[in-house]
Amino acid sequence: MTIFSIALQSLLIAYYIFSGTAKMLGVKYWTDIFENLKLPKWLLLVTGVVQLIGAAVLIVGYWYALAVTWGAIWLGITMLVACLMHVRAKDTFGKTAPALVFAVLNIILIVINAEAIII
């Protein structure tokens, strides 16, 4: 594992712990986004749990390289779905960009650690 991979993995862990916890607590910022996207309130909790599970898998990835790849796939799919929800709601690019950026960061982490899946 490279220093860049570990740094990116750590950044994503921090983001998803913060974001997942905020969603599970129903922080106004996230409830407003989900209302704008016309998504049900229960999905906010589910999304928070999904992000915390992904963060936990990335943490396990410090010891087991395969977990990094699977965690990034799990979270990358989540972010791609978020992008689709923003497009469906006809949000501006500015509102869609954060989900897109995190999808790309997860894809980069997948590519860097892809050899763990192949072996």
PDB file of N, CA and C in Angstrom:
ATOM      1  N   MET A   1       0.847  -1.177   0.000  1.00  0.00           N
ATOM      2  CA  MET A   1       0.000   0.000   0.000  1.00  0.00           C
ATOM      3  C   MET A   1       0.895   1.244   0.000  1.00  0.00           C
ATOM      4  N   THR A   2       0.554   2.193  -0.837  1.00  0.00           N
ATOM      5  CA  THR A   2       1.352   3.408  -0.932  1.00  0.00           C
ATOM      6  C   THR A   2       0.890   4.452   0.083  1.00  0.00           C
ATOM      7  N   ILE A   3       1.739   5.431   0.312  1.00  0.00           N
ATOM      8  CA  ILE A   3       1.385   6.523   1.226  1.00  0.00           C
ATOM      9  C   ILE A   3       0.157   7.258   0.699  1.00  0.00           C
ATOM     10  N   PHE A   4       0.089   7.462  -0.619  1.00  0.00           N
ATOM     11  CA  PHE A   4      -1.070   8.139  -1.214  1.00  0.00           C
ATOM     12  C   PHE A   4      -2.348   7.351  -0.941  1.00  0.00           C
ATOM     13  N   SER A   5      -2.281   6.033  -1.103  1.00  0.00           N
ATOM     14  CA  SER A   5      -3.447   5.188  -0.876  1.00  0.00           C
ATOM     15  C   SER A   5      -3.906   5.269   0.583  1.00  0.00           C
ATOM     16  N   ILE A   6      -2.956   5.211   1.501  1.00  0.00           N
ATOM     17  CA  ILE A   6      -3.300   5.288   2.925  1.00  0.00           C
ATOM     18  C   ILE A   6      -3.893   6.662   3.262  1.00  0.00           C
ATOM     19  N   ALA A   7      -3.312   7.722   2.686  1.00  0.00           N
ATOM     20  CA  ALA A   7      -3.829   9.073   2.936  1.00  0.00           C
ATOM     21  C   ALA A   7      -5.254   9.217   2.392  1.00  0.00           C
ATOM     22  N   LEU A   8      -5.487   8.716   1.180  1.00  0.00           N
ATOM     23  CA  LEU A   8      -6.820   8.783   0.577  1.00  0.00           C
ATOM     24  C   LEU A   8      -7.815   7.936   1.376  1.00  0.00           C
ATOM     25  N   GLN A   9      -7.400   6.762   1.769  1.00  0.00           N
ATOM     26  CA  GLN A   9      -8.230   5.893   2.592  1.00  0.00           C
ATOM     27  C   GLN A   9      -8.603   6.596   3.897  1.00  0.00           C
ATOM     28  N   SER A  10      -7.646   7.241   4.517  1.00  0.00           N
ATOM     29  CA  SER A  10      -7.887   7.952   5.788  1.00  0.00           C
ATOM     30  C   SER A  10      -8.842   9.123   5.597  1.00  0.00           C
ATOM     31  N   LEU A  11      -8.671   9.869   4.504  1.00  0.00           N
ATOM     32  CA  LEU A  11      -9.569  10.981   4.192  1.00  0.00           C
ATOM     33  C   LEU A  11     -11.002  10.479   4.031  1.00  0.00           C
ATOM     34  N   LEU A  12     -11.158   9.387   3.294  1.00  0.00           N
ATOM     35  CA  LEU A  12     -12.493   8.843   3.058  1.00  0.00           C
ATOM     36  C   LEU A  12     -13.112   8.305   4.353  1.00  0.00           C
ATOM     37  N   ILE A  13     -12.306   7.675   5.193  1.00  0.00           N
ATOM     38  CA  ILE A  13     -12.812   7.195   6.483  1.00  0.00           C
ATOM     39  C   ILE A  13     -13.349   8.371   7.295  1.00  0.00           C
ATOM     40  N   ALA A  14     -12.560   9.437   7.388  1.00  0.00           N
ATOM     41  CA  ALA A  14     -12.975  10.610   8.168  1.00  0.00           C
ATOM     42  C   ALA A  14     -14.272  11.195   7.609  1.00  0.00           C
ATOM     43  N   TYR A  15     -14.337  11.344   6.285  1.00  0.00           N
ATOM     44  CA  TYR A  15     -15.537  11.918   5.671  1.00  0.00           C
ATOM     45  C   TYR A  15     -16.769  11.057   5.944  1.00  0.00           C
ATOM     46  N   TYR A  16     -16.640   9.752   5.730  1.00  0.00           N
ATOM     47  CA  TYR A  16     -17.822   8.887   5.863  1.00  0.00           C
ATOM     48  C   TYR A  16     -18.248   8.703   7.317  1.00  0.00           C
ATOM     49  N   ILE A  17     -17.318   8.741   8.252  1.00  0.00           N
ATOM     50  CA  ILE A  17     -17.719   8.702   9.666  1.00  0.00           C
ATOM     51  C   ILE A  17     -18.490   9.975   9.999  1.00  0.00           C
ATOM     52  N   PHE A  18     -17.959  11.114   9.570  1.00  0.00           N
ATOM     53  CA  PHE A  18     -18.619  12.396   9.826  1.00  0.00           C
ATOM     54  C   PHE A  18     -19.987  12.460   9.144  1.00  0.00           C
ATOM     55  N   SER A  19     -20.008  12.158   7.858  1.00  0.00           N
ATOM     56  CA  SER A  19     -21.239  12.249   7.071  1.00  0.00           C
ATOM     57  C   SER A  19     -22.275  11.215   7.513  1.00  0.00           C
ATOM     58  N   GLY A  20     -21.837   9.982   7.711  1.00  0.00           N
ATOM     59  CA  GLY A  20     -22.765   8.929   8.125  1.00  0.00           C
ATOM     60  C   GLY A  20     -23.385   9.212   9.483  1.00  0.00           C
ATOM     61  N   THR A  21     -22.567   9.694  10.413  1.00  0.00           N
ATOM     62  CA  THR A  21     -23.077  10.033  11.744  1.00  0.00           C
ATOM     63  C   THR A  21     -24.070  11.191  11.658  1.00  0.00           C
ATOM     64  N   ALA A  22     -23.739  12.214  10.874  1.00  0.00           N
ATOM     65  CA  ALA A  22     -24.630  13.370  10.715  1.00  0.00           C
ATOM     66  C   ALA A  22     -25.967  12.942  10.112  1.00  0.00           C
ATOM     67  N   LYS A  23     -25.936  12.033   9.166  1.00  0.00           N
ATOM     68  CA  LYS A  23     -27.177  11.552   8.557  1.00  0.00           C
ATOM     69  C   LYS A  23     -28.001  10.768   9.579  1.00  0.00           C
ATOM     70  N   MET A  24     -27.337   9.911  10.338  1.00  0.00           N
ATOM     71  CA  MET A  24     -28.068   9.112  11.337  1.00  0.00           C
ATOM     72  C   MET A  24     -28.671   9.990  12.427  1.00  0.00           C
ATOM     73  N   LEU A  25     -28.012  11.110  12.732  1.00  0.00           N
ATOM     74  CA  LEU A  25     -28.535  12.028  13.748  1.00  0.00           C
ATOM     75  C   LEU A  25     -29.585  12.981  13.183  1.00  0.00           C
ATOM     76  N   GLY A  26     -29.776  12.960  11.855  1.00  0.00           N
ATOM     77  CA  GLY A  26     -30.777  13.817  11.224  1.00  0.00           C
ATOM     78  C   GLY A  26     -30.408  15.287  11.218  1.00  0.00           C
ATOM     79  N   VAL A  27     -29.122  15.571  11.023  1.00  0.00           N
ATOM     80  CA  VAL A  27     -28.658  16.958  10.971  1.00  0.00           C
ATOM     81  C   VAL A  27     -29.406  17.699   9.859  1.00  0.00           C
ATOM     82  N   LYS A  28     -29.814  18.931  10.154  1.00  0.00           N
ATOM     83  CA  LYS A  28     -30.648  19.727   9.248  1.00  0.00           C
ATOM     84  C   LYS A  28     -30.070  19.826   7.834  1.00  0.00           C
ATOM     85  N   TYR A  29     -28.769  20.023   7.720  1.00  0.00           N
ATOM     86  CA  TYR A  29     -28.130  20.116   6.401  1.00  0.00           C
ATOM     87  C   TYR A  29     -28.522  18.913   5.534  1.00  0.00           C
ATOM     88  N   TRP A  30     -28.425  17.709   6.110  1.00  0.00           N
ATOM     89  CA  TRP A  30     -28.728  16.499   5.345  1.00  0.00           C
ATOM     90  C   TRP A  30     -30.221  16.294   5.152  1.00  0.00           C
ATOM     91  N   THR A  31     -31.019  16.631   6.146  1.00  0.00           N
ATOM     92  CA  THR A  31     -32.472  16.480   5.968  1.00  0.00           C
ATOM     93  C   THR A  31     -32.964  17.410   4.863  1.00  0.00           C
ATOM     94  N   ASP A  32     -32.395  18.614   4.790  1.00  0.00           N
ATOM     95  CA  ASP A  32     -32.767  19.547   3.715  1.00  0.00           C
ATOM     96  C   ASP A  32     -32.390  18.993   2.340  1.00  0.00           C
ATOM     97  N   ILE A  33     -31.213  18.398   2.244  1.00  0.00           N
ATOM     98  CA  ILE A  33     -30.780  17.811   0.961  1.00  0.00           C
ATOM     99  C   ILE A  33     -31.716  16.674   0.565  1.00  0.00           C
ATOM    100  N   PHE A  34     -32.041  15.797   1.499  1.00  0.00           N
ATOM    101  CA  PHE A  34     -32.908  14.672   1.185  1.00  0.00           C
ATOM    102  C   PHE A  34     -34.318  15.138   0.825  1.00  0.00           C
ATOM    103  N   GLU A  35     -34.797  16.193   1.465  1.00  0.00           N
ATOM    104  CA  GLU A  35     -36.099  16.767   1.101  1.00  0.00           C
ATOM    105  C   GLU A  35     -36.050  17.320  -0.320  1.00  0.00           C
ATOM    106  N   ASN A  36     -34.972  18.038  -0.644  1.00  0.00           N
ATOM    107  CA  ASN A  36     -34.807  18.589  -1.992  1.00  0.00           C
ATOM    108  C   ASN A  36     -34.770  17.476  -3.044  1.00  0.00           C
ATOM    109  N   LEU A  37     -34.159  16.349  -2.673  1.00  0.00           N
ATOM    110  CA  LEU A  37     -34.068  15.218  -3.598  1.00  0.00           C
ATOM    111  C   LEU A  37     -35.357  14.389  -3.615  1.00  0.00           C
ATOM    112  N   LYS A  38     -36.315  14.775  -2.767  1.00  0.00           N
ATOM    113  CA  LYS A  38     -37.597  14.075  -2.645  1.00  0.00           C
ATOM    114  C   LYS A  38     -37.397  12.605  -2.257  1.00  0.00           C
ATOM    115  N   LEU A  39     -36.493  12.402  -1.297  1.00  0.00           N
ATOM    116  CA  LEU A  39     -36.229  11.070  -0.775  1.00  0.00           C
ATOM    117  C   LEU A  39     -36.873  10.948   0.606  1.00  0.00           C
ATOM    118  N   PRO A  40     -37.365   9.758   0.952  1.00  0.00           N
ATOM    119  CA  PRO A  40     -38.016   9.589   2.256  1.00  0.00           C
ATOM    120  C   PRO A  40     -37.020   9.736   3.409  1.00  0.00           C
ATOM    121  N   LYS A  41     -37.534  10.179   4.554  1.00  0.00           N
ATOM    122  CA  LYS A  41     -36.676  10.416   5.731  1.00  0.00           C
ATOM    123  C   LYS A  41     -35.963   9.149   6.197  1.00  0.00           C
ATOM    124  N   TRP A  42     -36.616   7.999   6.086  1.00  0.00           N
ATOM    125  CA  TRP A  42     -35.992   6.762   6.545  1.00  0.00           C
ATOM    126  C   TRP A  42     -34.729   6.447   5.753  1.00  0.00           C
ATOM    127  N   LEU A  43     -34.671   6.914   4.496  1.00  0.00           N
ATOM    128  CA  LEU A  43     -33.497   6.651   3.664  1.00  0.00           C
ATOM    129  C   LEU A  43     -32.265   7.399   4.187  1.00  0.00           C
ATOM    130  N   LEU A  44     -32.489   8.490   4.902  1.00  0.00           N
ATOM    131  CA  LEU A  44     -31.393   9.232   5.525  1.00  0.00           C
ATOM    132  C   LEU A  44     -30.671   8.331   6.532  1.00  0.00           C
ATOM    133  N   LEU A  45     -31.435   7.633   7.352  1.00  0.00           N
ATOM    134  CA  LEU A  45     -30.866   6.713   8.331  1.00  0.00           C
ATOM    135  C   LEU A  45     -30.146   5.556   7.638  1.00  0.00           C
ATOM    136  N   VAL A  46     -30.773   5.000   6.623  1.00  0.00           N
ATOM    137  CA  VAL A  46     -30.168   3.882   5.888  1.00  0.00           C
ATOM    138  C   VAL A  46     -28.850   4.328   5.254  1.00  0.00           C
ATOM    139  N   THR A  47     -28.855   5.501   4.652  1.00  0.00           N
ATOM    140  CA  THR A  47     -27.640   6.012   4.020  1.00  0.00           C
ATOM    141  C   THR A  47     -26.531   6.219   5.050  1.00  0.00           C
ATOM    142  N   GLY A  48     -26.891   6.723   6.211  1.00  0.00           N
ATOM    143  CA  GLY A  48     -25.910   6.888   7.284  1.00  0.00           C
ATOM    144  C   GLY A  48     -25.295   5.564   7.698  1.00  0.00           C
ATOM    145  N   VAL A  49     -26.131   4.541   7.843  1.00  0.00           N
ATOM    146  CA  VAL A  49     -25.643   3.211   8.214  1.00  0.00           C
ATOM    147  C   VAL A  49     -24.729   2.661   7.115  1.00  0.00           C
ATOM    148  N   VAL A  50     -25.132   2.811   5.866  1.00  0.00           N
ATOM    149  CA  VAL A  50     -24.329   2.341   4.736  1.00  0.00           C
ATOM    150  C   VAL A  50     -22.950   3.012   4.748  1.00  0.00           C
ATOM    151  N   GLN A  51     -22.925   4.320   5.013  1.00  0.00           N
ATOM    152  CA  GLN A  51     -21.649   5.029   5.035  1.00  0.00           C
ATOM    153  C   GLN A  51     -20.785   4.602   6.217  1.00  0.00           C
ATOM    154  N   LEU A  52     -21.382   4.370   7.369  1.00  0.00           N
ATOM    155  CA  LEU A  52     -20.605   3.927   8.530  1.00  0.00           C
ATOM    156  C   LEU A  52     -20.063   2.508   8.324  1.00  0.00           C
ATOM    157  N   ILE A  53     -20.836   1.656   7.690  1.00  0.00           N
ATOM    158  CA  ILE A  53     -20.345   0.311   7.363  1.00  0.00           C
ATOM    159  C   ILE A  53     -19.159   0.422   6.406  1.00  0.00           C
ATOM    160  N   GLY A  54     -19.299   1.266   5.392  1.00  0.00           N
ATOM    161  CA  GLY A  54     -18.202   1.464   4.441  1.00  0.00           C
ATOM    162  C   GLY A  54     -16.951   1.986   5.121  1.00  0.00           C
ATOM    163  N   ALA A  55     -17.114   2.943   6.036  1.00  0.00           N
ATOM    164  CA  ALA A  55     -15.971   3.478   6.782  1.00  0.00           C
ATOM    165  C   ALA A  55     -15.322   2.380   7.620  1.00  0.00           C
ATOM    166  N   ALA A  56     -16.134   1.535   8.250  1.00  0.00           N
ATOM    167  CA  ALA A  56     -15.603   0.439   9.071  1.00  0.00           C
ATOM    168  C   ALA A  56     -14.800  -0.539   8.214  1.00  0.00           C
ATOM    169  N   VAL A  57     -15.303  -0.836   7.022  1.00  0.00           N
ATOM    170  CA  VAL A  57     -14.582  -1.743   6.120  1.00  0.00           C
ATOM    171  C   VAL A  57     -13.259  -1.105   5.687  1.00  0.00           C
ATOM    172  N   LEU A  58     -13.272   0.200   5.414  1.00  0.00           N
ATOM    173  CA  LEU A  58     -12.015   0.885   5.074  1.00  0.00           C
ATOM    174  C   LEU A  58     -11.035   0.846   6.240  1.00  0.00           C
ATOM    175  N   ILE A  59     -11.522   0.949   7.461  1.00  0.00           N
ATOM    176  CA  ILE A  59     -10.641   0.858   8.639  1.00  0.00           C
ATOM    177  C   ILE A  59     -10.011  -0.533   8.708  1.00  0.00           C
ATOM    178  N   VAL A  60     -10.804  -1.569   8.486  1.00  0.00           N
ATOM    179  CA  VAL A  60     -10.274  -2.938   8.462  1.00  0.00           C
ATOM    180  C   VAL A  60      -9.194  -3.050   7.373  1.00  0.00           C
ATOM    181  N   GLY A  61      -9.333  -2.253   6.328  1.00  0.00           N
ATOM    182  CA  GLY A  61      -8.372  -2.259   5.232  1.00  0.00           C
ATOM    183  C   GLY A  61      -6.954  -1.865   5.615  1.00  0.00           C
ATOM    184  N   TYR A  62      -6.771  -1.237   6.776  1.00  0.00           N
ATOM    185  CA  TYR A  62      -5.408  -0.962   7.240  1.00  0.00           C
ATOM    186  C   TYR A  62      -4.651  -2.262   7.491  1.00  0.00           C
ATOM    187  N   TRP A  63      -5.375  -3.345   7.823  1.00  0.00           N
ATOM    188  CA  TRP A  63      -4.759  -4.635   8.112  1.00  0.00           C
ATOM    189  C   TRP A  63      -4.959  -5.641   6.987  1.00  0.00           C
ATOM    190  N   TYR A  64      -6.062  -5.526   6.253  1.00  0.00           N
ATOM    191  CA  TYR A  64      -6.366  -6.465   5.172  1.00  0.00           C
ATOM    192  C   TYR A  64      -6.643  -5.675   3.892  1.00  0.00           C
ATOM    193  N   ALA A  65      -5.701  -5.725   2.965  1.00  0.00           N
ATOM    194  CA  ALA A  65      -5.773  -4.902   1.748  1.00  0.00           C
ATOM    195  C   ALA A  65      -7.064  -5.124   0.958  1.00  0.00           C
ATOM    196  N   LEU A  66      -7.561  -6.338   0.953  1.00  0.00           N
ATOM    197  CA  LEU A  66      -8.779  -6.632   0.197  1.00  0.00           C
ATOM    198  C   LEU A  66      -9.963  -5.803   0.689  1.00  0.00           C
ATOM    199  N   ALA A  67      -9.997  -5.503   1.972  1.00  0.00           N
ATOM    200  CA  ALA A  67     -11.108  -4.733   2.549  1.00  0.00           C
ATOM    201  C   ALA A  67     -11.150  -3.308   1.992  1.00  0.00           C
ATOM    202  N   VAL A  68      -9.984  -2.738   1.687  1.00  0.00           N
ATOM    203  CA  VAL A  68      -9.960  -1.374   1.124  1.00  0.00           C
ATOM    204  C   VAL A  68     -10.712  -1.349  -0.203  1.00  0.00           C
ATOM    205  N   THR A  69     -10.411  -2.316  -1.050  1.00  0.00           N
ATOM    206  CA  THR A  69     -11.047  -2.361  -2.365  1.00  0.00           C
ATOM    207  C   THR A  69     -12.552  -2.546  -2.243  1.00  0.00           C
ATOM    208  N   TRP A  70     -12.984  -3.486  -1.405  1.00  0.00           N
ATOM    209  CA  TRP A  70     -14.422  -3.737  -1.253  1.00  0.00           C
ATOM    210  C   TRP A  70     -15.134  -2.581  -0.577  1.00  0.00           C
ATOM    211  N   GLY A  71     -14.486  -1.956   0.392  1.00  0.00           N
ATOM    212  CA  GLY A  71     -15.076  -0.779   1.031  1.00  0.00           C
ATOM    213  C   GLY A  71     -15.242   0.369   0.048  1.00  0.00           C
ATOM    214  N   ALA A  72     -14.232   0.569  -0.788  1.00  0.00           N
ATOM    215  CA  ALA A  72     -14.298   1.641  -1.789  1.00  0.00           C
ATOM    216  C   ALA A  72     -15.356   1.335  -2.853  1.00  0.00           C
ATOM    217  N   ILE A  73     -15.519   0.073  -3.216  1.00  0.00           N
ATOM    218  CA  ILE A  73     -16.578  -0.303  -4.167  1.00  0.00           C
ATOM    219  C   ILE A  73     -17.947   0.000  -3.553  1.00  0.00           C
ATOM    220  N   TRP A  74     -18.142  -0.422  -2.307  1.00  0.00           N
ATOM    221  CA  TRP A  74     -19.399  -0.193  -1.573  1.00  0.00           C
ATOM    222  C   TRP A  74     -19.734   1.298  -1.536  1.00  0.00           C
ATOM    223  N   LEU A  75     -18.749   2.111  -1.141  1.00  0.00           N
ATOM    224  CA  LEU A  75     -18.975   3.558  -1.011  1.00  0.00           C
ATOM    225  C   LEU A  75     -19.041   4.243  -2.369  1.00  0.00           C
ATOM    226  N   GLY A  76     -18.282   3.749  -3.330  1.00  0.00           N
ATOM    227  CA  GLY A  76     -18.328   4.314  -4.679  1.00  0.00           C
ATOM    228  C   GLY A  76     -19.701   4.148  -5.319  1.00  0.00           C
ATOM    229  N   ILE A  77     -20.285   2.970  -5.143  1.00  0.00           N
ATOM    230  CA  ILE A  77     -21.642   2.735  -5.659  1.00  0.00           C
ATOM    231  C   ILE A  77     -22.625   3.678  -4.968  1.00  0.00           C
ATOM    232  N   THR A  78     -22.456   3.852  -3.663  1.00  0.00           N
ATOM    233  CA  THR A  78     -23.322   4.765  -2.913  1.00  0.00           C
ATOM    234  C   THR A  78     -23.241   6.179  -3.487  1.00  0.00           C
ATOM    235  N   MET A  79     -22.036   6.630  -3.794  1.00  0.00           N
ATOM    236  CA  MET A  79     -21.857   7.991  -4.322  1.00  0.00           C
ATOM    237  C   MET A  79     -22.375   8.115  -5.756  1.00  0.00           C
ATOM    238  N   LEU A  80     -22.248   7.058  -6.533  1.00  0.00           N
ATOM    239  CA  LEU A  80     -22.812   7.102  -7.892  1.00  0.00           C
ATOM    240  C   LEU A  80     -24.340   7.180  -7.837  1.00  0.00           C
ATOM    241  N   VAL A  81     -24.946   6.462  -6.907  1.00  0.00           N
ATOM    242  CA  VAL A  81     -26.402   6.556  -6.716  1.00  0.00           C
ATOM    243  C   VAL A  81     -26.767   7.969  -6.277  1.00  0.00           C
ATOM    244  N   ALA A  82     -25.965   8.560  -5.393  1.00  0.00           N
ATOM    245  CA  ALA A  82     -26.215   9.944  -4.965  1.00  0.00           C
ATOM    246  C   ALA A  82     -26.170  10.889  -6.161  1.00  0.00           C
ATOM    247  N   CYS A  83     -25.205  10.689  -7.057  1.00  0.00           N
ATOM    248  CA  CYS A  83     -25.134  11.519  -8.276  1.00  0.00           C
ATOM    249  C   CYS A  83     -26.408  11.372  -9.100  1.00  0.00           C
ATOM    250  N   LEU A  84     -26.864  10.144  -9.249  1.00  0.00           N
ATOM    251  CA  LEU A  84     -28.089   9.907 -10.019  1.00  0.00           C
ATOM    252  C   LEU A  84     -29.298  10.583  -9.374  1.00  0.00           C
ATOM    253  N   MET A  85     -29.359  10.583  -8.056  1.00  0.00           N
ATOM    254  CA  MET A  85     -30.466  11.247  -7.356  1.00  0.00           C
ATOM    255  C   MET A  85     -30.434  12.759  -7.586  1.00  0.00           C
ATOM    256  N   HIS A  86     -29.237  13.326  -7.609  1.00  0.00           N
ATOM    257  CA  HIS A  86     -29.107  14.760  -7.885  1.00  0.00           C
ATOM    258  C   HIS A  86     -29.515  15.074  -9.327  1.00  0.00           C
ATOM    259  N   VAL A  87     -29.132  14.228 -10.247  1.00  0.00           N
ATOM    260  CA  VAL A  87     -29.518  14.426 -11.659  1.00  0.00           C
ATOM    261  C   VAL A  87     -31.031  14.292 -11.799  1.00  0.00           C
ATOM    262  N   ARG A  88     -31.608  13.289 -11.146  1.00  0.00           N
ATOM    263  CA  ARG A  88     -33.066  13.083 -11.187  1.00  0.00           C
ATOM    264  C   ARG A  88     -33.813  14.305 -10.664  1.00  0.00           C
ATOM    265  N   ALA A  89     -33.260  14.945  -9.628  1.00  0.00           N
ATOM    266  CA  ALA A  89     -33.890  16.133  -9.039  1.00  0.00           C
ATOM    267  C   ALA A  89     -33.560  17.405  -9.817  1.00  0.00           C
ATOM    268  N   LYS A  90     -32.768  17.251 -10.892  1.00  0.00           N
ATOM    269  CA  LYS A  90     -32.355  18.392 -11.729  1.00  0.00           C
ATOM    270  C   LYS A  90     -31.590  19.440 -10.915  1.00  0.00           C
ATOM    271  N   ASP A  91     -30.752  18.943  -9.995  1.00  0.00           N
ATOM    272  CA  ASP A  91     -29.900  19.840  -9.212  1.00  0.00           C
ATOM    273  C   ASP A  91     -28.821  20.436 -10.099  1.00  0.00           C
ATOM    274  N   THR A  92     -28.288  21.552  -9.649  1.00  0.00           N
ATOM    275  CA  THR A  92     -27.182  22.182 -10.369  1.00  0.00           C
ATOM    276  C   THR A  92     -25.930  21.315 -10.225  1.00  0.00           C
ATOM    277  N   PHE A  93     -24.953  21.596 -11.069  1.00  0.00           N
ATOM    278  CA  PHE A  93     -23.694  20.857 -10.985  1.00  0.00           C
ATOM    279  C   PHE A  93     -23.039  21.081  -9.623  1.00  0.00           C
ATOM    280  N   GLY A  94     -23.163  22.293  -9.096  1.00  0.00           N
ATOM    281  CA  GLY A  94     -22.578  22.612  -7.798  1.00  0.00           C
ATOM    282  C   GLY A  94     -23.115  21.742  -6.676  1.00  0.00           C
ATOM    283  N   LYS A  95     -24.386  21.378  -6.755  1.00  0.00           N
ATOM    284  CA  LYS A  95     -24.974  20.520  -5.730  1.00  0.00           C
ATOM    285  C   LYS A  95     -24.628  19.048  -5.955  1.00  0.00           C
ATOM    286  N   THR A  96     -24.374  18.700  -7.215  1.00  0.00           N
ATOM    287  CA  THR A  96     -24.041  17.323  -7.566  1.00  0.00           C
ATOM    288  C   THR A  96     -22.551  17.039  -7.390  1.00  0.00           C
ATOM    289  N   ALA A  97     -21.733  18.057  -7.505  1.00  0.00           N
ATOM    290  CA  ALA A  97     -20.270  17.901  -7.507  1.00  0.00           C
ATOM    291  C   ALA A  97     -19.703  17.158  -6.297  1.00  0.00           C
ATOM    292  N   PRO A  98     -20.149  17.439  -5.055  1.00  0.00           N
ATOM    293  CA  PRO A  98     -19.551  16.704  -3.927  1.00  0.00           C
ATOM    294  C   PRO A  98     -19.707  15.179  -4.055  1.00  0.00           C
ATOM    295  N   ALA A  99     -20.892  14.724  -4.431  1.00  0.00           N
ATOM    296  CA  ALA A  99     -21.105  13.283  -4.606  1.00  0.00           C
ATOM    297  C   ALA A  99     -20.222  12.749  -5.727  1.00  0.00           C
ATOM    298  N   LEU A 100     -20.093  13.523  -6.794  1.00  0.00           N
ATOM    299  CA  LEU A 100     -19.256  13.120  -7.916  1.00  0.00           C
ATOM    300  C   LEU A 100     -17.788  13.043  -7.512  1.00  0.00           C
ATOM    301  N   VAL A 101     -17.317  14.026  -6.766  1.00  0.00           N
ATOM    302  CA  VAL A 101     -15.920  14.040  -6.312  1.00  0.00           C
ATOM    303  C   VAL A 101     -15.642  12.818  -5.433  1.00  0.00           C
ATOM    304  N   PHE A 102     -16.547  12.514  -4.502  1.00  0.00           N
ATOM    305  CA  PHE A 102     -16.314  11.351  -3.636  1.00  0.00           C
ATOM    306  C   PHE A 102     -16.442  10.044  -4.403  1.00  0.00           C
ATOM    307  N   ALA A 103     -17.277   9.994  -5.434  1.00  0.00           N
ATOM    308  CA  ALA A 103     -17.332   8.807  -6.287  1.00  0.00           C
ATOM    309  C   ALA A 103     -15.983   8.610  -6.974  1.00  0.00           C
ATOM    310  N   VAL A 104     -15.428   9.681  -7.512  1.00  0.00           N
ATOM    311  CA  VAL A 104     -14.125   9.611  -8.195  1.00  0.00           C
ATOM    312  C   VAL A 104     -13.020   9.211  -7.215  1.00  0.00           C
ATOM    313  N   LEU A 105     -13.027   9.775  -6.004  1.00  0.00           N
ATOM    314  CA  LEU A 105     -12.012   9.409  -5.007  1.00  0.00           C
ATOM    315  C   LEU A 105     -12.092   7.923  -4.659  1.00  0.00           C
ATOM    316  N   ASN A 106     -13.304   7.396  -4.558  1.00  0.00           N
ATOM    317  CA  ASN A 106     -13.452   5.959  -4.305  1.00  0.00           C
ATOM    318  C   ASN A 106     -12.957   5.136  -5.481  1.00  0.00           C
ATOM    319  N   ILE A 107     -13.232   5.592  -6.698  1.00  0.00           N
ATOM    320  CA  ILE A 107     -12.756   4.875  -7.891  1.00  0.00           C
ATOM    321  C   ILE A 107     -11.226   4.869  -7.923  1.00  0.00           C
ATOM    322  N   ILE A 108     -10.600   5.993  -7.570  1.00  0.00           N
ATOM    323  CA  ILE A 108      -9.135   6.049  -7.509  1.00  0.00           C
ATOM    324  C   ILE A 108      -8.617   5.036  -6.492  1.00  0.00           C
ATOM    325  N   LEU A 109      -9.252   4.967  -5.328  1.00  0.00           N
ATOM    326  CA  LEU A 109      -8.834   4.015  -4.295  1.00  0.00           C
ATOM    327  C   LEU A 109      -9.012   2.572  -4.784  1.00  0.00           C
ATOM    328  N   ILE A 110     -10.067   2.315  -5.530  1.00  0.00           N
ATOM    329  CA  ILE A 110     -10.297   0.977  -6.098  1.00  0.00           C
ATOM    330  C   ILE A 110      -9.164   0.627  -7.065  1.00  0.00           C
ATOM    331  N   VAL A 111      -8.843   1.538  -7.958  1.00  0.00           N
ATOM    332  CA  VAL A 111      -7.805   1.292  -8.964  1.00  0.00           C
ATOM    333  C   VAL A 111      -6.448   1.058  -8.298  1.00  0.00           C
ATOM    334  N   ILE A 112      -6.116   1.890  -7.313  1.00  0.00           N
ATOM    335  CA  ILE A 112      -4.828   1.751  -6.620  1.00  0.00           C
ATOM    336  C   ILE A 112      -4.722   0.402  -5.932  1.00  0.00           C
ATOM    337  N   ASN A 113      -5.818  -0.100  -5.392  1.00  0.00           N
ATOM    338  CA  ASN A 113      -5.794  -1.340  -4.604  1.00  0.00           C
ATOM    339  C   ASN A 113      -6.396  -2.531  -5.346  1.00  0.00           C
ATOM    340  N   ALA A 114      -6.570  -2.414  -6.650  1.00  0.00           N
ATOM    341  CA  ALA A 114      -7.231  -3.474  -7.432  1.00  0.00           C
ATOM    342  C   ALA A 114      -6.482  -4.796  -7.391  1.00  0.00           C
ATOM    343  N   GLU A 115      -5.166  -4.741  -7.241  1.00  0.00           N
ATOM    344  CA  GLU A 115      -4.397  -5.995  -7.229  1.00  0.00           C
ATOM    345  C   GLU A 115      -4.806  -6.901  -6.066  1.00  0.00           C
ATOM    346  N   ALA A 116      -5.346  -6.334  -5.002  1.00  0.00           N
ATOM    347  CA  ALA A 116      -5.791  -7.140  -3.861  1.00  0.00           C
ATOM    348  C   ALA A 116      -6.947  -8.059  -4.269  1.00  0.00           C
ATOM    349  N   ILE A 117      -7.785  -7.604  -5.188  1.00  0.00           N
ATOM    350  CA  ILE A 117      -8.917  -8.427  -5.645  1.00  0.00           C
ATOM    351  C   ILE A 117      -8.446  -9.479  -6.627  1.00  0.00           C
ATOM    352  N   ILE A 118      -7.496  -9.126  -7.467  1.00  0.00           N
ATOM    353  CA  ILE A 118      -7.033 -10.015  -8.524  1.00  0.00           C
ATOM    354  C   ILE A 118      -6.246 -11.202  -7.949  1.00  0.00           C
ATOM    355  N   ILE A 119      -5.502 -10.959  -6.893  1.00  0.00           N
ATOM    356  CA  ILE A 119      -4.630 -12.018  -6.339  1.00  0.00           C
ATOM    357  C   ILE A 119      -5.440 -13.059  -5.621  1.00  0.00           C
TER     358      ILE A 119
END
